[in-house]
Amino acid sequence: MKIITKNDEIEFILKNILDALPYLMKKGVCGISCGEPSWGILDSTAKEKGFTDLEIDRIVNDLNELLSKQNDQPALY
């Protein structure tokens, strides 16, 4: 299983973690609106929004926790 890093593209994160969008929207990192792309790098996008390195590290840890929980779920088929 690949872990998420601060250097991953947000689009990659959104495609691979089901709960990433609501989490990132709640944090204020990204949203769905006209003119707000989802293809930036997590680190630079978060820094543009005023996040510190420590806050970005916490976001990365949270995203990896979401990914881990998602991978622990039994298949539906």
C-alpha atoms as a PDB file:
ATOM      1  CA  MET A   1       0.000   0.000   0.000  1.00  0.00           C
ATOM      2  CA  LYS A   2       1.381   3.401  -0.998  1.00  0.00           C
ATOM      3  CA  ILE A   3       1.323   6.028   1.682  1.00  0.00           C
ATOM      4  CA  ILE A   4       0.310   9.604   1.006  1.00  0.00           C
ATOM      5  CA  THR A   5       3.017  12.268   1.177  1.00  0.00           C
ATOM      6  CA  LYS A   6       2.866  16.041   1.143  1.00  0.00           C
ATOM      7  CA  ASN A   7       4.329  15.890  -2.373  1.00  0.00           C
ATOM      8  CA  ASP A   8       1.363  13.984  -3.824  1.00  0.00           C
ATOM      9  CA  GLU A   9      -1.059  15.682  -6.179  1.00  0.00           C
ATOM     10  CA  ILE A  10      -4.436  16.412  -4.654  1.00  0.00           C
ATOM     11  CA  GLU A  11      -6.099  14.718  -7.632  1.00  0.00           C
ATOM     12  CA  PHE A  12      -4.215  11.483  -6.790  1.00  0.00           C
ATOM     13  CA  ILE A  13      -5.291  11.741  -3.160  1.00  0.00           C
ATOM     14  CA  LEU A  14      -8.935  12.320  -4.107  1.00  0.00           C
ATOM     15  CA  LYS A  15      -8.908   9.329  -6.469  1.00  0.00           C
ATOM     16  CA  ASN A  16      -7.442   6.990  -3.871  1.00  0.00           C
ATOM     17  CA  ILE A  17      -9.074   7.987  -0.588  1.00  0.00           C
ATOM     18  CA  LEU A  18     -12.854   7.971  -0.554  1.00  0.00           C
ATOM     19  CA  ASP A  19     -13.178  10.367   2.383  1.00  0.00           C
ATOM     20  CA  ALA A  20     -10.380  12.737   1.308  1.00  0.00           C
ATOM     21  CA  LEU A  21     -12.588  15.405  -0.252  1.00  0.00           C
ATOM     22  CA  PRO A  22     -14.832  15.998   2.771  1.00  0.00           C
ATOM     23  CA  TYR A  23     -11.769  15.929   5.027  1.00  0.00           C
ATOM     24  CA  LEU A  24      -9.786  18.408   2.895  1.00  0.00           C
ATOM     25  CA  MET A  25     -12.839  20.653   2.501  1.00  0.00           C
ATOM     26  CA  LYS A  26     -13.391  20.676   6.270  1.00  0.00           C
ATOM     27  CA  LYS A  27      -9.742  21.603   6.808  1.00  0.00           C
ATOM     28  CA  GLY A  28      -9.974  24.361   4.193  1.00  0.00           C
ATOM     29  CA  VAL A  29      -7.294  22.930   1.922  1.00  0.00           C
ATOM     30  CA  CYS A  30      -9.492  22.451  -1.115  1.00  0.00           C
ATOM     31  CA  GLY A  31     -13.086  22.542  -2.177  1.00  0.00           C
ATOM     32  CA  ILE A  32     -15.251  22.178  -5.203  1.00  0.00           C
ATOM     33  CA  SER A  33     -15.830  25.558  -6.739  1.00  0.00           C
ATOM     34  CA  CYS A  34     -15.239  27.342  -9.986  1.00  0.00           C
ATOM     35  CA  GLY A  35     -11.628  28.264 -10.396  1.00  0.00           C
ATOM     36  CA  GLU A  36     -10.262  26.091  -7.603  1.00  0.00           C
ATOM     37  CA  PRO A  37      -8.252  23.293  -9.207  1.00  0.00           C
ATOM     38  CA  SER A  38      -7.733  19.903  -7.606  1.00  0.00           C
ATOM     39  CA  TRP A  39      -4.523  19.124  -9.452  1.00  0.00           C
ATOM     40  CA  GLY A  40      -1.998  20.960  -7.293  1.00  0.00           C
ATOM     41  CA  ILE A  41       0.519  19.393  -4.950  1.00  0.00           C
ATOM     42  CA  LEU A  42      -0.814  19.034  -1.398  1.00  0.00           C
ATOM     43  CA  ASP A  43       2.151  20.825   0.190  1.00  0.00           C
ATOM     44  CA  SER A  44       2.126  23.896  -2.040  1.00  0.00           C
ATOM     45  CA  THR A  45      -1.675  24.152  -2.087  1.00  0.00           C
ATOM     46  CA  ALA A  46      -1.841  24.002   1.711  1.00  0.00           C
ATOM     47  CA  LYS A  47       0.955  26.569   2.054  1.00  0.00           C
ATOM     48  CA  GLU A  48      -0.929  28.908  -0.298  1.00  0.00           C
ATOM     49  CA  LYS A  49      -3.840  28.630   2.158  1.00  0.00           C
ATOM     50  CA  GLY A  50      -1.575  29.556   5.080  1.00  0.00           C
ATOM     51  CA  PHE A  51      -0.892  26.129   6.594  1.00  0.00           C
ATOM     52  CA  THR A  52       2.385  25.552   8.435  1.00  0.00           C
ATOM     53  CA  ASP A  53       4.673  22.563   7.852  1.00  0.00           C
ATOM     54  CA  LEU A  54       3.460  21.030  11.113  1.00  0.00           C
ATOM     55  CA  GLU A  55      -0.201  21.421  10.096  1.00  0.00           C
ATOM     56  CA  ILE A  56       0.543  19.875   6.704  1.00  0.00           C
ATOM     57  CA  ASP A  57       2.269  16.926   8.401  1.00  0.00           C
ATOM     58  CA  ARG A  58      -0.862  16.424  10.534  1.00  0.00           C
ATOM     59  CA  ILE A  59      -3.043  16.494   7.415  1.00  0.00           C
ATOM     60  CA  VAL A  60      -0.797  13.902   5.745  1.00  0.00           C
ATOM     61  CA  ASN A  61      -1.006  11.698   8.855  1.00  0.00           C
ATOM     62  CA  ASP A  62      -4.803  12.025   8.903  1.00  0.00           C
ATOM     63  CA  LEU A  63      -5.036  11.161   5.205  1.00  0.00           C
ATOM     64  CA  ASN A  64      -2.903   8.064   5.711  1.00  0.00           C
ATOM     65  CA  GLU A  65      -5.141   7.073   8.610  1.00  0.00           C
ATOM     66  CA  LEU A  66      -8.185   7.415   6.324  1.00  0.00           C
ATOM     67  CA  LEU A  67      -6.414   5.335   3.681  1.00  0.00           C
ATOM     68  CA  SER A  68      -5.517   2.659   6.209  1.00  0.00           C
ATOM     69  CA  LYS A  69      -9.108   2.446   7.482  1.00  0.00           C
ATOM     70  CA  GLN A  70     -10.381   2.295   3.918  1.00  0.00           C
ATOM     71  CA  ASN A  71      -8.015  -0.588   3.099  1.00  0.00           C
ATOM     72  CA  ASP A  72      -9.104  -2.453   6.233  1.00  0.00           C
ATOM     73  CA  GLN A  73     -12.721  -2.542   5.044  1.00  0.00           C
ATOM     74  CA  PRO A  74     -13.897  -5.899   3.643  1.00  0.00           C
ATOM     75  CA  ALA A  75     -14.706  -6.028  -0.060  1.00  0.00           C
ATOM     76  CA  LEU A  76     -18.390  -5.715  -0.940  1.00  0.00           C
ATOM     77  CA  TYR A  77     -18.318  -8.382  -3.640  1.00  0.00           C
END
